[in-house]
C-alpha cells in the first residue's frame, strides 16, 4: 500500500476517534458541573480538562475568562482548535475523501453524512440546550463508522491501518480521561472510604463516559472506588477501552502491516503492552497514578511518531 494512502486511512480513524473522546471528556464535565459546588471548584474542573488536553494556552489566547460554555464552544465549534469536534470530523471526512477508492461506499457515506449532519446540528441550539445529547450523537456516529468499516471492508492492510489509528488514539484519550481528575488537584485513590458524595458522582459519570459503568458493576460487584476504576481502565484486557485492550490491538495490527524497518517499532509497542499485561494496580498507585499516565502518554506519542516514520508520510522536521 502507498504510504500516502495508509496515512489518510490512519488519520481518518484517529480524527474520528478523537472527536468521540473529546465528546466523552466534555460530557463528564457537563454532568459534574451540575453537582452542588463552588464557582472555584467548577472552574477548576474546566481548567483541568483544558490542561490534560494541552489546550490551556490556546484557550487563553481567545478568551478572557474561563466558563463552561466557553470551553464547550472552544472544544466543539472552533475550527481553529485542531482538536475540536468540528475540526476532527472535518479532517476525518477530508482524509476519507482523499482515499474514496480504497473505502467501501458505505464507509465513505458515513463519514460524509456525519459531516453534513454536524453542520445542521451546530446551527440549531442543541449544544446550548442539551449538550449531552449532542455528545451522544458524536459517539453514535463514531460507533457507526467503526461498525460499517468492519462490516463492509476487506480485512486487508487498509483495515489494519484504520484499526491502528483508532486504538492509538483511544489509548491516548483513555489515559487523558482517567487523568483529568488528578490534573485538577487529585483525589484519594484507595478503597473509597471517606470519598465525598461529589467525588462518587464524578467517578460514576466518568465510568459512564467510557461505557464502563455496567462493566464495573459486573466485574467488581461493589462500591465504586478510584483504585478499581484505575485497574479497570488500565490493566483489564477485557475492558474495550482500557489501555491494555488498546495496546493488544495496536500490537496485533502492527504485526499485520510489518515491513523491513518496523521491527524496532514492534518491540517498542510490545514492551509497552507487556508493562500493562504484567502490571499490578498496587504498584501503579504506589508509583503515582498521574506519573504513570504521564509516562504512558509520552510513550504513545513516541509510538505514533514511530508508526509515522515506518509506514506513513514522514512528519515534518
C-alpha atoms as a PDB file:
ATOM      1  CA  UNK A   1       0.000   0.000   0.000  1.00  0.00           C
ATOM      2  CA  UNK A   2       1.229   3.518  -0.798  1.00  0.00           C
ATOM      3  CA  UNK A   3       2.335   5.400   2.313  1.00  0.00           C
ATOM      4  CA  UNK A   4       0.113   8.333   1.341  1.00  0.00           C
ATOM      5  CA  UNK A   5      -2.964   6.085   1.280  1.00  0.00           C
ATOM      6  CA  UNK A   6      -2.011   4.493   4.602  1.00  0.00           C
ATOM      7  CA  UNK A   7      -1.536   7.974   6.070  1.00  0.00           C
ATOM      8  CA  UNK A   8      -5.041   9.095   5.077  1.00  0.00           C
ATOM      9  CA  UNK A   9      -6.645   5.912   6.458  1.00  0.00           C
ATOM     10  CA  UNK A  10      -4.682   6.146   9.697  1.00  0.00           C
ATOM     11  CA  UNK A  11      -5.625   9.779  10.310  1.00  0.00           C
ATOM     12  CA  UNK A  12      -9.239   9.331   9.212  1.00  0.00           C
ATOM     13  CA  UNK A  13      -9.573   6.819  12.044  1.00  0.00           C
ATOM     14  CA  UNK A  14      -7.631   8.900  14.567  1.00  0.00           C
ATOM     15  CA  UNK A  15      -9.687  12.025  13.955  1.00  0.00           C
ATOM     16  CA  UNK A  16     -12.967  10.102  14.208  1.00  0.00           C
ATOM     17  CA  UNK A  17     -11.870   8.539  17.494  1.00  0.00           C
ATOM     18  CA  UNK A  18     -10.569  11.893  18.763  1.00  0.00           C
ATOM     19  CA  UNK A  19     -13.929  13.546  18.124  1.00  0.00           C
ATOM     20  CA  UNK A  20     -15.647  10.781  20.088  1.00  0.00           C
ATOM     21  CA  UNK A  21     -13.248  11.035  23.007  1.00  0.00           C
ATOM     22  CA  UNK A  22     -13.457  14.815  23.128  1.00  0.00           C
ATOM     23  CA  UNK A  23     -17.217  14.367  23.400  1.00  0.00           C
ATOM     24  CA  UNK A  24     -16.705  11.841  26.206  1.00  0.00           C
ATOM     25  CA  UNK A  25     -14.444  14.168  28.210  1.00  0.00           C
ATOM     26  CA  UNK A  26     -16.780  17.131  27.759  1.00  0.00           C
ATOM     27  CA  UNK A  27     -19.781  15.065  28.802  1.00  0.00           C
ATOM     28  CA  UNK A  28     -18.114  14.133  32.116  1.00  0.00           C
ATOM     29  CA  UNK A  29     -17.539  17.809  32.889  1.00  0.00           C
ATOM     30  CA  UNK A  30     -21.048  18.822  31.849  1.00  0.00           C
ATOM     31  CA  UNK A  31     -22.540  16.231  34.179  1.00  0.00           C
ATOM     32  CA  UNK A  32     -20.276  17.006  37.135  1.00  0.00           C
ATOM     33  CA  UNK A  33     -20.655  20.767  36.690  1.00  0.00           C
ATOM     34  CA  UNK A  34     -24.333  20.354  37.595  1.00  0.00           C
ATOM     35  CA  UNK A  35     -23.448  18.965  41.047  1.00  0.00           C
ATOM     36  CA  UNK A  36     -23.533  21.321  44.056  1.00  0.00           C
ATOM     37  CA  UNK A  37     -20.140  23.026  44.176  1.00  0.00           C
ATOM     38  CA  UNK A  38     -18.464  26.384  44.470  1.00  0.00           C
ATOM     39  CA  UNK A  39     -17.602  28.508  41.450  1.00  0.00           C
ATOM     40  CA  UNK A  40     -13.933  27.815  42.180  1.00  0.00           C
ATOM     41  CA  UNK A  41     -14.449  24.040  42.053  1.00  0.00           C
ATOM     42  CA  UNK A  42     -16.423  24.351  38.823  1.00  0.00           C
ATOM     43  CA  UNK A  43     -13.709  26.458  37.209  1.00  0.00           C
ATOM     44  CA  UNK A  44     -11.042  24.010  38.386  1.00  0.00           C
ATOM     45  CA  UNK A  45     -12.829  21.169  36.594  1.00  0.00           C
ATOM     46  CA  UNK A  46     -12.938  23.018  33.268  1.00  0.00           C
ATOM     47  CA  UNK A  47      -9.326  24.145  33.647  1.00  0.00           C
ATOM     48  CA  UNK A  48      -8.260  20.549  34.295  1.00  0.00           C
ATOM     49  CA  UNK A  49      -9.993  19.460  31.094  1.00  0.00           C
ATOM     50  CA  UNK A  50      -8.133  22.083  29.067  1.00  0.00           C
ATOM     51  CA  UNK A  51      -4.871  21.224  30.779  1.00  0.00           C
ATOM     52  CA  UNK A  52      -4.965  17.490  30.169  1.00  0.00           C
ATOM     53  CA  UNK A  53      -5.979  18.177  26.542  1.00  0.00           C
ATOM     54  CA  UNK A  54      -2.990  20.552  26.240  1.00  0.00           C
ATOM     55  CA  UNK A  55      -5.302  23.362  25.152  1.00  0.00           C
ATOM     56  CA  UNK A  56      -4.986  25.822  28.046  1.00  0.00           C
ATOM     57  CA  UNK A  57      -2.617  28.189  26.214  1.00  0.00           C
ATOM     58  CA  UNK A  58      -4.689  28.211  23.012  1.00  0.00           C
ATOM     59  CA  UNK A  59      -7.854  28.828  25.030  1.00  0.00           C
ATOM     60  CA  UNK A  60      -6.296  31.711  26.980  1.00  0.00           C
ATOM     61  CA  UNK A  61      -5.349  33.425  23.727  1.00  0.00           C
ATOM     62  CA  UNK A  62      -9.013  33.577  22.649  1.00  0.00           C
ATOM     63  CA  UNK A  63     -10.955  34.017  25.901  1.00  0.00           C
ATOM     64  CA  UNK A  64     -10.601  36.419  28.798  1.00  0.00           C
ATOM     65  CA  UNK A  65     -12.473  34.262  31.333  1.00  0.00           C
ATOM     66  CA  UNK A  66     -12.911  30.548  31.916  1.00  0.00           C
ATOM     67  CA  UNK A  67     -16.561  29.492  31.777  1.00  0.00           C
ATOM     68  CA  UNK A  68     -18.041  26.110  30.943  1.00  0.00           C
ATOM     69  CA  UNK A  69     -19.960  27.383  27.913  1.00  0.00           C
ATOM     70  CA  UNK A  70     -16.776  28.959  26.516  1.00  0.00           C
ATOM     71  CA  UNK A  71     -14.783  25.735  26.969  1.00  0.00           C
ATOM     72  CA  UNK A  72     -17.550  23.768  25.238  1.00  0.00           C
ATOM     73  CA  UNK A  73     -17.656  26.254  22.375  1.00  0.00           C
ATOM     74  CA  UNK A  74     -13.853  26.116  22.017  1.00  0.00           C
ATOM     75  CA  UNK A  75     -13.689  22.307  22.098  1.00  0.00           C
ATOM     76  CA  UNK A  76     -16.729  21.739  19.878  1.00  0.00           C
ATOM     77  CA  UNK A  77     -17.197  24.566  17.360  1.00  0.00           C
ATOM     78  CA  UNK A  78     -13.819  26.279  16.976  1.00  0.00           C
ATOM     79  CA  UNK A  79     -12.247  25.312  13.608  1.00  0.00           C
ATOM     80  CA  UNK A  80      -9.028  26.983  14.743  1.00  0.00           C
ATOM     81  CA  UNK A  81      -8.653  24.405  17.510  1.00  0.00           C
ATOM     82  CA  UNK A  82      -7.322  21.318  15.714  1.00  0.00           C
ATOM     83  CA  UNK A  83      -8.695  19.079  18.477  1.00  0.00           C
ATOM     84  CA  UNK A  84     -12.237  20.474  18.397  1.00  0.00           C
ATOM     85  CA  UNK A  85     -15.044  18.166  17.328  1.00  0.00           C
ATOM     86  CA  UNK A  86     -15.704  20.303  14.245  1.00  0.00           C
ATOM     87  CA  UNK A  87     -12.039  20.221  13.210  1.00  0.00           C
ATOM     88  CA  UNK A  88     -11.734  16.470  13.857  1.00  0.00           C
ATOM     89  CA  UNK A  89     -14.843  15.438  11.933  1.00  0.00           C
ATOM     90  CA  UNK A  90     -13.898  17.770   9.077  1.00  0.00           C
ATOM     91  CA  UNK A  91     -10.381  16.312   8.941  1.00  0.00           C
ATOM     92  CA  UNK A  92     -11.757  12.751   9.090  1.00  0.00           C
ATOM     93  CA  UNK A  93     -14.039  13.482   6.133  1.00  0.00           C
ATOM     94  CA  UNK A  94     -11.225  15.086   4.112  1.00  0.00           C
ATOM     95  CA  UNK A  95      -8.932  12.127   4.716  1.00  0.00           C
ATOM     96  CA  UNK A  96     -11.736   9.753   3.702  1.00  0.00           C
ATOM     97  CA  UNK A  97     -12.409  11.781   0.545  1.00  0.00           C
ATOM     98  CA  UNK A  98      -8.744  11.501  -0.431  1.00  0.00           C
ATOM     99  CA  UNK A  99      -8.952   7.675  -0.416  1.00  0.00           C
ATOM    100  CA  UNK A 100     -12.532   7.074  -1.560  1.00  0.00           C
ATOM    101  CA  UNK A 101     -11.330   4.394  -3.954  1.00  0.00           C
ATOM    102  CA  UNK A 102      -9.923   2.384  -1.033  1.00  0.00           C
ATOM    103  CA  UNK A 103     -13.069   2.653   1.117  1.00  0.00           C
ATOM    104  CA  UNK A 104     -16.388   0.957   0.508  1.00  0.00           C
ATOM    105  CA  UNK A 105     -19.290   3.188  -0.472  1.00  0.00           C
ATOM    106  CA  UNK A 106     -20.875   2.694   2.951  1.00  0.00           C
ATOM    107  CA  UNK A 107     -17.771   3.835   4.838  1.00  0.00           C
ATOM    108  CA  UNK A 108     -17.438   6.992   2.733  1.00  0.00           C
ATOM    109  CA  UNK A 109     -21.141   7.796   3.079  1.00  0.00           C
ATOM    110  CA  UNK A 110     -20.955   7.525   6.875  1.00  0.00           C
ATOM    111  CA  UNK A 111     -18.038   9.978   7.004  1.00  0.00           C
ATOM    112  CA  UNK A 112     -19.694  12.393   4.596  1.00  0.00           C
ATOM    113  CA  UNK A 113     -23.132  12.226   6.225  1.00  0.00           C
ATOM    114  CA  UNK A 114     -21.614  12.772   9.671  1.00  0.00           C
ATOM    115  CA  UNK A 115     -20.000  15.970   8.438  1.00  0.00           C
ATOM    116  CA  UNK A 116     -23.255  17.164   6.823  1.00  0.00           C
ATOM    117  CA  UNK A 117     -25.337  16.351   9.923  1.00  0.00           C
ATOM    118  CA  UNK A 118     -22.835  18.185  12.099  1.00  0.00           C
ATOM    119  CA  UNK A 119     -23.437  21.427  10.193  1.00  0.00           C
ATOM    120  CA  UNK A 120     -27.173  21.122  10.792  1.00  0.00           C
ATOM    121  CA  UNK A 121     -26.843  20.289  14.499  1.00  0.00           C
ATOM    122  CA  UNK A 122     -24.453  23.137  15.218  1.00  0.00           C
ATOM    123  CA  UNK A 123     -26.800  25.628  13.567  1.00  0.00           C
ATOM    124  CA  UNK A 124     -29.541  24.543  15.961  1.00  0.00           C
ATOM    125  CA  UNK A 125     -29.467  25.355  19.681  1.00  0.00           C
ATOM    126  CA  UNK A 126     -28.898  21.723  20.707  1.00  0.00           C
ATOM    127  CA  UNK A 127     -25.401  22.367  22.072  1.00  0.00           C
ATOM    128  CA  UNK A 128     -26.731  25.107  24.337  1.00  0.00           C
ATOM    129  CA  UNK A 129     -29.950  23.403  25.473  1.00  0.00           C
ATOM    130  CA  UNK A 130     -28.812  19.772  25.741  1.00  0.00           C
ATOM    131  CA  UNK A 131     -25.056  19.351  25.228  1.00  0.00           C
ATOM    132  CA  UNK A 132     -25.133  15.735  26.439  1.00  0.00           C
ATOM    133  CA  UNK A 133     -27.487  14.861  23.587  1.00  0.00           C
ATOM    134  CA  UNK A 134     -25.047  16.366  21.093  1.00  0.00           C
ATOM    135  CA  UNK A 135     -22.157  14.421  22.639  1.00  0.00           C
ATOM    136  CA  UNK A 136     -24.194  11.206  22.409  1.00  0.00           C
ATOM    137  CA  UNK A 137     -24.704  11.894  18.701  1.00  0.00           C
ATOM    138  CA  UNK A 138     -20.927  12.282  18.201  1.00  0.00           C
ATOM    139  CA  UNK A 139     -20.299   8.978  19.979  1.00  0.00           C
ATOM    140  CA  UNK A 140     -23.015   7.243  17.969  1.00  0.00           C
ATOM    141  CA  UNK A 141     -21.556   8.400  14.654  1.00  0.00           C
ATOM    142  CA  UNK A 142     -18.128   7.146  15.680  1.00  0.00           C
ATOM    143  CA  UNK A 143     -19.593   3.756  16.657  1.00  0.00           C
ATOM    144  CA  UNK A 144     -21.395   3.639  13.325  1.00  0.00           C
ATOM    145  CA  UNK A 145     -18.208   4.399  11.412  1.00  0.00           C
ATOM    146  CA  UNK A 146     -16.301   1.573  13.115  1.00  0.00           C
ATOM    147  CA  UNK A 147     -19.147  -0.886  12.671  1.00  0.00           C
ATOM    148  CA  UNK A 148     -19.570  -0.161   8.967  1.00  0.00           C
ATOM    149  CA  UNK A 149     -15.805  -0.368   8.442  1.00  0.00           C
ATOM    150  CA  UNK A 150     -15.590  -3.833   9.988  1.00  0.00           C
ATOM    151  CA  UNK A 151     -18.827  -4.963   8.388  1.00  0.00           C
ATOM    152  CA  UNK A 152     -18.107  -3.954   4.793  1.00  0.00           C
ATOM    153  CA  UNK A 153     -14.344  -3.708   4.169  1.00  0.00           C
ATOM    154  CA  UNK A 154     -11.937  -6.430   3.147  1.00  0.00           C
ATOM    155  CA  UNK A 155      -9.620  -7.336   6.055  1.00  0.00           C
ATOM    156  CA  UNK A 156      -6.517  -6.123   4.284  1.00  0.00           C
ATOM    157  CA  UNK A 157      -3.865  -3.508   5.063  1.00  0.00           C
ATOM    158  CA  UNK A 158      -6.413  -0.698   4.766  1.00  0.00           C
ATOM    159  CA  UNK A 159      -8.415  -2.028   7.707  1.00  0.00           C
ATOM    160  CA  UNK A 160      -5.254  -2.668   9.729  1.00  0.00           C
ATOM    161  CA  UNK A 161      -4.109   0.948   9.340  1.00  0.00           C
ATOM    162  CA  UNK A 162      -7.602   2.158  10.283  1.00  0.00           C
ATOM    163  CA  UNK A 163      -7.567  -0.039  13.387  1.00  0.00           C
ATOM    164  CA  UNK A 164      -4.045   1.068  14.243  1.00  0.00           C
ATOM    165  CA  UNK A 165      -5.096   4.719  14.176  1.00  0.00           C
ATOM    166  CA  UNK A 166      -8.252   4.015  16.177  1.00  0.00           C
ATOM    167  CA  UNK A 167      -6.537   2.249  19.055  1.00  0.00           C
ATOM    168  CA  UNK A 168      -3.522   4.534  19.300  1.00  0.00           C
ATOM    169  CA  UNK A 169      -5.929   7.447  19.642  1.00  0.00           C
ATOM    170  CA  UNK A 170      -8.172   5.573  22.078  1.00  0.00           C
ATOM    171  CA  UNK A 171      -5.234   4.649  24.316  1.00  0.00           C
ATOM    172  CA  UNK A 172      -4.157   8.290  24.421  1.00  0.00           C
ATOM    173  CA  UNK A 173      -7.629   9.526  25.246  1.00  0.00           C
ATOM    174  CA  UNK A 174      -8.469   6.878  27.854  1.00  0.00           C
ATOM    175  CA  UNK A 175      -5.316   7.904  29.720  1.00  0.00           C
ATOM    176  CA  UNK A 176      -6.356  11.563  29.482  1.00  0.00           C
ATOM    177  CA  UNK A 177      -9.913  10.909  30.669  1.00  0.00           C
ATOM    178  CA  UNK A 178      -8.580   8.988  33.666  1.00  0.00           C
ATOM    179  CA  UNK A 179      -6.024  11.680  34.438  1.00  0.00           C
ATOM    180  CA  UNK A 180      -8.361  14.694  34.294  1.00  0.00           C
ATOM    181  CA  UNK A 181      -9.332  14.352  37.965  1.00  0.00           C
ATOM    182  CA  UNK A 182      -5.725  14.193  39.115  1.00  0.00           C
ATOM    183  CA  UNK A 183      -4.724  17.029  36.811  1.00  0.00           C
ATOM    184  CA  UNK A 184      -7.328  19.140  38.562  1.00  0.00           C
ATOM    185  CA  UNK A 185      -5.960  18.544  42.041  1.00  0.00           C
ATOM    186  CA  UNK A 186      -6.187  14.840  42.760  1.00  0.00           C
ATOM    187  CA  UNK A 187      -8.380  12.642  44.907  1.00  0.00           C
ATOM    188  CA  UNK A 188      -7.872   9.698  47.209  1.00  0.00           C
ATOM    189  CA  UNK A 189      -7.078   6.544  45.213  1.00  0.00           C
ATOM    190  CA  UNK A 190      -7.654   3.958  47.914  1.00  0.00           C
ATOM    191  CA  UNK A 191     -10.704   1.894  48.795  1.00  0.00           C
ATOM    192  CA  UNK A 192     -13.166   4.744  48.599  1.00  0.00           C
ATOM    193  CA  UNK A 193     -13.642   5.233  52.342  1.00  0.00           C
ATOM    194  CA  UNK A 194     -14.233   8.856  53.106  1.00  0.00           C
ATOM    195  CA  UNK A 195     -14.976   9.681  49.482  1.00  0.00           C
ATOM    196  CA  UNK A 196     -17.199  12.722  49.171  1.00  0.00           C
ATOM    197  CA  UNK A 197     -20.582  12.434  47.509  1.00  0.00           C
ATOM    198  CA  UNK A 198     -19.385  14.731  44.740  1.00  0.00           C
ATOM    199  CA  UNK A 199     -16.342  12.540  44.077  1.00  0.00           C
ATOM    200  CA  UNK A 200     -18.567   9.458  43.962  1.00  0.00           C
ATOM    201  CA  UNK A 201     -20.789  11.031  41.327  1.00  0.00           C
ATOM    202  CA  UNK A 202     -17.728  12.217  39.408  1.00  0.00           C
ATOM    203  CA  UNK A 203     -16.301   8.693  39.159  1.00  0.00           C
ATOM    204  CA  UNK A 204     -19.715   7.267  38.255  1.00  0.00           C
ATOM    205  CA  UNK A 205     -20.053   9.861  35.474  1.00  0.00           C
ATOM    206  CA  UNK A 206     -16.543   9.090  34.261  1.00  0.00           C
ATOM    207  CA  UNK A 207     -17.309   5.362  34.108  1.00  0.00           C
ATOM    208  CA  UNK A 208     -20.429   6.091  32.057  1.00  0.00           C
ATOM    209  CA  UNK A 209     -18.379   8.317  29.741  1.00  0.00           C
ATOM    210  CA  UNK A 210     -16.216   5.330  28.771  1.00  0.00           C
ATOM    211  CA  UNK A 211     -19.198   2.944  28.650  1.00  0.00           C
ATOM    212  CA  UNK A 212     -17.801   1.288  31.749  1.00  0.00           C
ATOM    213  CA  UNK A 213     -20.442   1.680  34.456  1.00  0.00           C
ATOM    214  CA  UNK A 214     -22.240  -1.630  33.819  1.00  0.00           C
ATOM    215  CA  UNK A 215     -18.902  -3.360  33.204  1.00  0.00           C
ATOM    216  CA  UNK A 216     -17.590  -2.117  36.561  1.00  0.00           C
ATOM    217  CA  UNK A 217     -20.657  -3.450  38.367  1.00  0.00           C
ATOM    218  CA  UNK A 218     -20.309  -6.807  36.622  1.00  0.00           C
ATOM    219  CA  UNK A 219     -16.592  -7.151  37.383  1.00  0.00           C
ATOM    220  CA  UNK A 220     -16.397  -5.808  40.955  1.00  0.00           C
ATOM    221  CA  UNK A 221     -19.983  -6.042  42.273  1.00  0.00           C
ATOM    222  CA  UNK A 222     -19.108  -3.481  44.937  1.00  0.00           C
ATOM    223  CA  UNK A 223     -18.889   0.217  45.662  1.00  0.00           C
ATOM    224  CA  UNK A 224     -17.121   2.429  43.154  1.00  0.00           C
ATOM    225  CA  UNK A 225     -13.543   3.217  44.201  1.00  0.00           C
ATOM    226  CA  UNK A 226     -10.887   5.185  42.294  1.00  0.00           C
ATOM    227  CA  UNK A 227      -8.345   2.352  42.620  1.00  0.00           C
ATOM    228  CA  UNK A 228     -10.656  -0.178  40.984  1.00  0.00           C
ATOM    229  CA  UNK A 229     -11.597   2.280  38.254  1.00  0.00           C
ATOM    230  CA  UNK A 230      -7.893   2.755  37.539  1.00  0.00           C
ATOM    231  CA  UNK A 231      -7.410  -1.015  37.421  1.00  0.00           C
ATOM    232  CA  UNK A 232     -10.382  -1.430  35.070  1.00  0.00           C
ATOM    233  CA  UNK A 233      -9.250   1.278  32.665  1.00  0.00           C
ATOM    234  CA  UNK A 234      -5.557   0.431  32.712  1.00  0.00           C
ATOM    235  CA  UNK A 235      -4.995  -3.292  33.282  1.00  0.00           C
ATOM    236  CA  UNK A 236      -8.170  -5.150  32.287  1.00  0.00           C
ATOM    237  CA  UNK A 237      -7.678  -6.570  28.800  1.00  0.00           C
ATOM    238  CA  UNK A 238     -11.374  -7.477  28.595  1.00  0.00           C
ATOM    239  CA  UNK A 239     -12.458  -3.857  29.072  1.00  0.00           C
ATOM    240  CA  UNK A 240     -12.775  -2.482  25.490  1.00  0.00           C
ATOM    241  CA  UNK A 241     -11.436   0.986  26.231  1.00  0.00           C
ATOM    242  CA  UNK A 242      -8.682   0.004  28.690  1.00  0.00           C
ATOM    243  CA  UNK A 243      -5.059   0.815  27.974  1.00  0.00           C
ATOM    244  CA  UNK A 244      -4.171  -2.889  27.817  1.00  0.00           C
ATOM    245  CA  UNK A 245      -7.005  -3.682  25.381  1.00  0.00           C
ATOM    246  CA  UNK A 246      -5.880  -0.798  23.153  1.00  0.00           C
ATOM    247  CA  UNK A 247      -2.262  -1.946  23.199  1.00  0.00           C
ATOM    248  CA  UNK A 248      -3.324  -5.523  22.384  1.00  0.00           C
ATOM    249  CA  UNK A 249      -4.962  -4.163  19.222  1.00  0.00           C
ATOM    250  CA  UNK A 250      -2.022  -1.909  18.379  1.00  0.00           C
ATOM    251  CA  UNK A 251       0.468  -4.770  18.637  1.00  0.00           C
ATOM    252  CA  UNK A 252      -1.753  -7.102  16.612  1.00  0.00           C
ATOM    253  CA  UNK A 253      -2.306  -4.610  13.788  1.00  0.00           C
ATOM    254  CA  UNK A 254       1.358  -3.598  13.736  1.00  0.00           C
ATOM    255  CA  UNK A 255       2.200  -7.262  13.192  1.00  0.00           C
ATOM    256  CA  UNK A 256      -0.210  -7.404  10.232  1.00  0.00           C
ATOM    257  CA  UNK A 257       1.407  -4.444   8.434  1.00  0.00           C
ATOM    258  CA  UNK A 258       5.026  -5.063   9.438  1.00  0.00           C
ATOM    259  CA  UNK A 259       7.736  -4.160   6.930  1.00  0.00           C
ATOM    260  CA  UNK A 260      11.516  -4.258   6.685  1.00  0.00           C
ATOM    261  CA  UNK A 261      12.059  -1.255   9.000  1.00  0.00           C
ATOM    262  CA  UNK A 262       9.323  -1.691  11.609  1.00  0.00           C
ATOM    263  CA  UNK A 263      10.968  -4.228  13.959  1.00  0.00           C
ATOM    264  CA  UNK A 264      12.040  -1.591  16.498  1.00  0.00           C
ATOM    265  CA  UNK A 265       8.564  -0.075  16.500  1.00  0.00           C
ATOM    266  CA  UNK A 266       7.025  -3.504  17.109  1.00  0.00           C
ATOM    267  CA  UNK A 267       9.424  -4.080  20.023  1.00  0.00           C
ATOM    268  CA  UNK A 268       8.596  -0.663  21.456  1.00  0.00           C
ATOM    269  CA  UNK A 269       4.859  -1.397  21.291  1.00  0.00           C
ATOM    270  CA  UNK A 270       5.368  -4.900  22.687  1.00  0.00           C
ATOM    271  CA  UNK A 271       7.298  -3.550  25.673  1.00  0.00           C
ATOM    272  CA  UNK A 272       4.554  -1.036  26.387  1.00  0.00           C
ATOM    273  CA  UNK A 273       1.912  -3.767  26.244  1.00  0.00           C
ATOM    274  CA  UNK A 274       3.982  -6.060  28.489  1.00  0.00           C
ATOM    275  CA  UNK A 275       4.207  -3.351  31.158  1.00  0.00           C
ATOM    276  CA  UNK A 276       0.416  -3.264  31.231  1.00  0.00           C
ATOM    277  CA  UNK A 277      -0.112  -7.017  30.834  1.00  0.00           C
ATOM    278  CA  UNK A 278       2.069  -7.873  33.838  1.00  0.00           C
ATOM    279  CA  UNK A 279       1.437  -4.727  35.865  1.00  0.00           C
ATOM    280  CA  UNK A 280      -0.326  -4.570  39.235  1.00  0.00           C
ATOM    281  CA  UNK A 281      -2.559  -1.739  40.321  1.00  0.00           C
ATOM    282  CA  UNK A 282      -0.917  -1.554  43.763  1.00  0.00           C
ATOM    283  CA  UNK A 283       2.452  -0.884  42.127  1.00  0.00           C
ATOM    284  CA  UNK A 284       0.939   1.727  39.817  1.00  0.00           C
ATOM    285  CA  UNK A 285      -0.699   3.561  42.722  1.00  0.00           C
ATOM    286  CA  UNK A 286       2.498   3.356  44.765  1.00  0.00           C
ATOM    287  CA  UNK A 287       4.449   4.931  41.893  1.00  0.00           C
ATOM    288  CA  UNK A 288       1.725   7.559  41.434  1.00  0.00           C
ATOM    289  CA  UNK A 289      -1.158   7.239  39.020  1.00  0.00           C
ATOM    290  CA  UNK A 290      -0.614  10.659  37.475  1.00  0.00           C
ATOM    291  CA  UNK A 291       3.081   9.947  36.863  1.00  0.00           C
ATOM    292  CA  UNK A 292       2.254   6.543  35.341  1.00  0.00           C
ATOM    293  CA  UNK A 293      -0.302   8.056  32.981  1.00  0.00           C
ATOM    294  CA  UNK A 294       2.057  10.883  32.038  1.00  0.00           C
ATOM    295  CA  UNK A 295       4.744   8.352  31.067  1.00  0.00           C
ATOM    296  CA  UNK A 296       2.192   6.330  29.127  1.00  0.00           C
ATOM    297  CA  UNK A 297       1.065   9.394  27.171  1.00  0.00           C
ATOM    298  CA  UNK A 298       4.687  10.184  26.308  1.00  0.00           C
ATOM    299  CA  UNK A 299       5.188   6.595  25.129  1.00  0.00           C
ATOM    300  CA  UNK A 300       2.024   6.686  22.997  1.00  0.00           C
ATOM    301  CA  UNK A 301       3.178   9.932  21.417  1.00  0.00           C
ATOM    302  CA  UNK A 302       6.550   8.335  20.634  1.00  0.00           C
ATOM    303  CA  UNK A 303       4.844   5.224  19.251  1.00  0.00           C
ATOM    304  CA  UNK A 304       2.705   7.378  16.953  1.00  0.00           C
ATOM    305  CA  UNK A 305       5.849   9.074  15.652  1.00  0.00           C
ATOM    306  CA  UNK A 306       7.486   5.699  15.055  1.00  0.00           C
ATOM    307  CA  UNK A 307       4.457   4.444  13.122  1.00  0.00           C
ATOM    308  CA  UNK A 308       4.535   7.587  11.005  1.00  0.00           C
ATOM    309  CA  UNK A 309       8.262   7.147  10.356  1.00  0.00           C
ATOM    310  CA  UNK A 310       7.976   3.470   9.389  1.00  0.00           C
ATOM    311  CA  UNK A 311       4.740   3.406   7.407  1.00  0.00           C
ATOM    312  CA  UNK A 312       3.223   6.806   6.689  1.00  0.00           C
ATOM    313  CA  UNK A 313       4.118  10.174   5.262  1.00  0.00           C
ATOM    314  CA  UNK A 314       7.131  11.327   7.336  1.00  0.00           C
ATOM    315  CA  UNK A 315       6.498  14.012   9.944  1.00  0.00           C
ATOM    316  CA  UNK A 316       7.804  17.481   9.181  1.00  0.00           C
ATOM    317  CA  UNK A 317      11.128  18.207  10.850  1.00  0.00           C
END
